[in-house]
Amino acid sequence: STPLYSSAASDVYKRQANISEQLKKVYRILTSRVPSDAELTLMQEMYSDIEHNFSQAPDKATEFLSVGEAPTDGELDEIKLAALGTVTNMLINHDASVIKR
């Protein structure tokens, strides 16, 4: 099962071909705008670092994805999905994210 941010990341992961497009889509959903080149570069660097860390400790990716109620899709790469979910979570907590109340 996955928390909301991992569930959202999973949906984007399935629909977008590459990490750059995935990150742009998540950013646009959360902020209602397209990221600048500098913002995209920063997100790509964060994703790469997080993906590397999860690849060194795959059990941490599994643990990350096990939180929440929605089941995980066994067809997806857990390392990549956990990395995208982590970046998504970081973006949700960023001041630029738009939250409707």
Protein backbone atom coordinates (compact mmCIF):
# COMPACT_ATOMS: atom_id res chain seq x y z
CA SER A 1 0.00 0.00 0.00
CA THR A 2 1.16 3.55 -0.66
CA PRO A 3 0.58 7.01 0.76
CA LEU A 4 -1.07 9.67 -1.38
CA TYR A 5 2.20 11.13 -2.72
CA SER A 6 3.44 7.70 -3.78
CA SER A 7 0.09 6.90 -5.32
CA ALA A 8 0.24 10.15 -7.31
CA ALA A 9 3.85 9.41 -8.28
CA SER A 10 2.80 5.94 -9.40
CA ASP A 11 0.13 7.40 -11.68
CA VAL A 12 2.63 9.85 -13.23
CA TYR A 13 5.29 7.11 -13.46
CA LYS A 14 2.93 4.94 -15.52
CA ARG A 15 1.90 7.74 -17.89
CA GLN A 16 5.18 9.58 -18.58
CA ALA A 17 8.03 8.04 -20.56
CA ASN A 18 11.09 9.45 -18.79
CA ILE A 19 12.07 10.97 -15.46
CA SER A 20 12.33 14.49 -16.86
CA GLU A 21 8.72 14.34 -18.08
CA GLN A 22 7.63 12.69 -14.82
CA LEU A 23 9.19 15.46 -12.74
CA LYS A 24 7.72 18.19 -14.95
CA LYS A 25 4.25 16.63 -14.64
CA VAL A 26 4.44 16.29 -10.84
CA TYR A 27 5.71 19.86 -10.51
CA ARG A 28 2.95 21.21 -12.76
CA ILE A 29 0.26 19.32 -10.85
CA LEU A 30 1.51 20.64 -7.51
CA THR A 31 2.33 24.23 -8.46
CA SER A 32 0.07 24.91 -11.46
CA ARG A 33 3.06 25.94 -13.55
CA VAL A 34 5.90 24.40 -15.55
CA PRO A 35 9.26 24.26 -13.73
CA SER A 36 12.07 26.53 -14.88
CA ASP A 37 15.19 24.88 -16.30
CA ALA A 38 16.97 25.49 -12.98
CA GLU A 39 14.12 23.95 -11.00
CA LEU A 40 14.00 20.92 -13.30
CA THR A 41 17.76 20.45 -13.00
CA LEU A 42 17.52 20.59 -9.21
CA MET A 43 14.68 18.05 -9.18
CA GLN A 44 16.64 15.74 -11.50
CA GLU A 45 19.66 15.94 -9.21
CA MET A 46 17.49 15.22 -6.15
CA TYR A 47 15.87 12.28 -7.96
CA SER A 48 19.26 10.86 -9.00
CA ASP A 49 20.64 11.09 -5.45
CA ILE A 50 17.53 9.50 -3.95
CA GLU A 51 17.41 6.77 -6.60
CA HIS A 52 21.07 5.97 -5.91
CA ASN A 53 20.39 5.76 -2.16
CA PHE A 54 17.40 3.47 -2.68
CA SER A 55 19.41 1.28 -5.09
CA GLN A 56 22.01 0.83 -2.35
CA ALA A 57 19.27 -0.15 0.14
CA PRO A 58 16.31 -1.61 -1.80
CA ASP A 59 14.60 -2.59 1.45
CA LYS A 60 14.24 1.14 2.20
CA ALA A 61 12.36 1.62 -1.10
CA THR A 62 10.05 -1.27 -0.22
CA GLU A 63 9.53 0.19 3.25
CA PHE A 64 8.77 3.63 1.78
CA LEU A 65 6.19 2.16 -0.59
CA SER A 66 4.56 0.03 2.11
CA VAL A 67 3.04 3.02 3.93
CA GLY A 68 -0.59 3.88 3.17
CA GLU A 69 -3.68 2.09 1.92
CA ALA A 70 -3.46 1.88 -1.89
CA PRO A 71 -1.75 -1.29 -3.12
CA THR A 72 1.50 -0.93 -5.04
CA ASP A 73 1.69 -2.02 -8.65
CA GLY A 74 4.08 -4.98 -8.79
CA GLU A 75 4.86 -4.20 -12.43
CA LEU A 76 6.66 -0.94 -11.56
CA ASP A 77 10.33 -0.53 -10.62
CA GLU A 78 10.20 0.01 -6.85
CA ILE A 79 13.49 1.93 -6.74
CA LYS A 80 12.39 4.45 -9.37
CA LEU A 81 8.87 4.71 -7.96
CA ALA A 82 10.16 5.30 -4.41
CA ALA A 83 12.59 7.95 -5.68
CA LEU A 84 9.81 9.73 -7.59
CA GLY A 85 7.51 9.42 -4.56
CA THR A 86 10.17 10.96 -2.33
CA VAL A 87 10.69 13.91 -4.68
CA THR A 88 6.91 14.29 -4.92
CA ASN A 89 6.67 14.37 -1.13
CA MET A 90 9.41 17.00 -1.00
CA LEU A 91 7.55 19.12 -3.56
CA ILE A 92 4.27 18.82 -1.64
CA ASN A 93 6.05 20.35 1.34
CA HIS A 94 7.52 23.17 -0.74
CA ASP A 95 6.02 26.66 -0.46
CA ALA A 96 5.33 26.75 -4.23
CA SER A 97 2.81 23.91 -3.97
CA VAL A 98 -0.80 24.98 -4.37
CA ILE A 99 -3.13 23.56 -1.77
CA LYS A 100 -6.86 24.11 -2.06
CA ARG A 101 -8.65 24.46 1.26
